[in-house]
Amino acid sequence: MAKYHRIIMNGESYYREYSHGLDSYGEMLSEKELVHMLLEEVVDEEIEISEREIEAALRRIPDREDRYLLQNYIRYLERVGRE
């Protein structure tokens, strides 16, 4: 993964990729541009979750114990996601 130097000019942060082997810099990027570029490189898949659809699917599960188990697992995942 590329390494970047943080450059602060007039109180604002900018970032430039630095190549140690070539001892040179890439273009200057704002933090927003850098984050967008890095996310494009590392995000493999986008998953959209609809709470309404999940709740509807849970209601369609006829077995009460299975429904309860899944509801608890979803709550667990939500807690883990916030940590």
C-alpha atoms as a PDB file:
ATOM      1  CA  MET A   1       0.000   0.000   0.000  1.00  0.00           C
ATOM      2  CA  ALA A   2       1.196   3.471  -0.829  1.00  0.00           C
ATOM      3  CA  LYS A   3       2.569   5.738   1.889  1.00  0.00           C
ATOM      4  CA  TYR A   4       1.537   9.367   2.178  1.00  0.00           C
ATOM      5  CA  HIS A   5       2.997  12.459   3.785  1.00  0.00           C
ATOM      6  CA  ARG A   6       0.638  14.847   5.509  1.00  0.00           C
ATOM      7  CA  ILE A   7       1.322  18.446   4.577  1.00  0.00           C
ATOM      8  CA  ILE A   8      -0.286  21.250   6.570  1.00  0.00           C
ATOM      9  CA  MET A   9      -0.623  24.562   4.751  1.00  0.00           C
ATOM     10  CA  ASN A  10      -2.446  27.493   6.308  1.00  0.00           C
ATOM     11  CA  GLY A  11      -3.964  25.142   8.883  1.00  0.00           C
ATOM     12  CA  GLU A  12      -5.389  22.766   6.253  1.00  0.00           C
ATOM     13  CA  SER A  13      -4.202  19.192   5.757  1.00  0.00           C
ATOM     14  CA  TYR A  14      -3.182  17.834   2.366  1.00  0.00           C
ATOM     15  CA  TYR A  15      -1.658  14.503   1.447  1.00  0.00           C
ATOM     16  CA  ARG A  16       0.932  13.466  -1.109  1.00  0.00           C
ATOM     17  CA  GLU A  17       1.954   9.953  -1.985  1.00  0.00           C
ATOM     18  CA  TYR A  18       5.666   9.521  -1.385  1.00  0.00           C
ATOM     19  CA  SER A  19       7.784   6.980  -3.261  1.00  0.00           C
ATOM     20  CA  HIS A  20      10.913   6.125  -1.258  1.00  0.00           C
ATOM     21  CA  GLY A  21      12.477   4.260  -4.183  1.00  0.00           C
ATOM     22  CA  LEU A  22      12.117   7.207  -6.547  1.00  0.00           C
ATOM     23  CA  ASP A  23      12.402   9.851  -3.810  1.00  0.00           C
ATOM     24  CA  SER A  24       9.464  11.685  -5.363  1.00  0.00           C
ATOM     25  CA  TYR A  25       5.928  12.822  -4.619  1.00  0.00           C
ATOM     26  CA  GLY A  26       2.601  12.277  -6.347  1.00  0.00           C
ATOM     27  CA  GLU A  27      -0.144  14.864  -6.699  1.00  0.00           C
ATOM     28  CA  MET A  28      -1.436  16.819  -3.688  1.00  0.00           C
ATOM     29  CA  LEU A  29      -4.810  15.569  -2.399  1.00  0.00           C
ATOM     30  CA  SER A  30      -7.312  16.876   0.116  1.00  0.00           C
ATOM     31  CA  GLU A  31      -8.312  14.538   2.933  1.00  0.00           C
ATOM     32  CA  LYS A  32     -11.675  13.955   1.244  1.00  0.00           C
ATOM     33  CA  GLU A  33     -10.007  13.055  -2.073  1.00  0.00           C
ATOM     34  CA  LEU A  34      -7.544  10.700  -0.362  1.00  0.00           C
ATOM     35  CA  VAL A  35     -10.258   8.903   1.613  1.00  0.00           C
ATOM     36  CA  HIS A  36     -12.373   8.519  -1.530  1.00  0.00           C
ATOM     37  CA  MET A  37      -9.414   7.149  -3.495  1.00  0.00           C
ATOM     38  CA  LEU A  38      -8.432   4.694  -0.738  1.00  0.00           C
ATOM     39  CA  LEU A  39     -12.004   3.483  -0.307  1.00  0.00           C
ATOM     40  CA  GLU A  40     -12.221   2.848  -4.058  1.00  0.00           C
ATOM     41  CA  GLU A  41      -9.122   0.636  -3.755  1.00  0.00           C
ATOM     42  CA  VAL A  42     -10.122  -1.401  -0.704  1.00  0.00           C
ATOM     43  CA  VAL A  43     -13.916  -1.731  -0.775  1.00  0.00           C
ATOM     44  CA  ASP A  44     -14.750  -4.974  -2.561  1.00  0.00           C
ATOM     45  CA  GLU A  45     -18.532  -5.011  -2.349  1.00  0.00           C
ATOM     46  CA  GLU A  46     -21.337  -2.718  -1.282  1.00  0.00           C
ATOM     47  CA  ILE A  47     -24.090  -4.291   0.806  1.00  0.00           C
ATOM     48  CA  GLU A  48     -27.296  -2.375   1.423  1.00  0.00           C
ATOM     49  CA  ILE A  49     -29.364  -3.372   4.443  1.00  0.00           C
ATOM     50  CA  SER A  50     -32.985  -2.409   4.903  1.00  0.00           C
ATOM     51  CA  GLU A  51     -34.212  -2.729   8.480  1.00  0.00           C
ATOM     52  CA  ARG A  52     -37.797  -2.782   7.217  1.00  0.00           C
ATOM     53  CA  GLU A  53     -37.091  -5.784   4.949  1.00  0.00           C
ATOM     54  CA  ILE A  54     -35.257  -7.611   7.748  1.00  0.00           C
ATOM     55  CA  GLU A  55     -38.153  -7.084  10.140  1.00  0.00           C
ATOM     56  CA  ALA A  56     -40.630  -8.289   7.497  1.00  0.00           C
ATOM     57  CA  ALA A  57     -38.523 -11.394   6.835  1.00  0.00           C
ATOM     58  CA  LEU A  58     -38.315 -12.148  10.559  1.00  0.00           C
ATOM     59  CA  ARG A  59     -42.095 -11.920  10.886  1.00  0.00           C
ATOM     60  CA  ARG A  60     -42.452 -14.518   8.111  1.00  0.00           C
ATOM     61  CA  ILE A  61     -40.472 -17.114  10.089  1.00  0.00           C
ATOM     62  CA  PRO A  62     -43.151 -19.397  11.523  1.00  0.00           C
ATOM     63  CA  ASP A  63     -41.081 -20.976  14.307  1.00  0.00           C
ATOM     64  CA  ARG A  64     -41.022 -18.621  17.283  1.00  0.00           C
ATOM     65  CA  GLU A  65     -37.733 -20.018  18.654  1.00  0.00           C
ATOM     66  CA  ASP A  66     -35.975 -19.614  15.301  1.00  0.00           C
ATOM     67  CA  ARG A  67     -37.280 -16.051  15.024  1.00  0.00           C
ATOM     68  CA  TYR A  68     -36.089 -15.252  18.567  1.00  0.00           C
ATOM     69  CA  LEU A  69     -32.644 -16.746  17.846  1.00  0.00           C
ATOM     70  CA  LEU A  70     -32.242 -14.631  14.701  1.00  0.00           C
ATOM     71  CA  GLN A  71     -33.440 -11.463  16.438  1.00  0.00           C
ATOM     72  CA  ASN A  72     -30.859 -11.973  19.186  1.00  0.00           C
ATOM     73  CA  TYR A  73     -28.127 -12.620  16.621  1.00  0.00           C
ATOM     74  CA  ILE A  74     -29.024  -9.433  14.732  1.00  0.00           C
ATOM     75  CA  ARG A  75     -28.871  -7.443  17.984  1.00  0.00           C
ATOM     76  CA  TYR A  76     -25.455  -8.995  18.683  1.00  0.00           C
ATOM     77  CA  LEU A  77     -24.179  -7.982  15.235  1.00  0.00           C
ATOM     78  CA  GLU A  78     -25.457  -4.430  15.763  1.00  0.00           C
ATOM     79  CA  ARG A  79     -23.562  -4.179  19.068  1.00  0.00           C
ATOM     80  CA  VAL A  80     -20.381  -5.572  17.525  1.00  0.00           C
ATOM     81  CA  GLY A  81     -20.679  -3.124  14.644  1.00  0.00           C
ATOM     82  CA  ARG A  82     -20.788  -0.142  17.021  1.00  0.00           C
ATOM     83  CA  GLU A  83     -17.618  -1.160  18.881  1.00  0.00           C
END
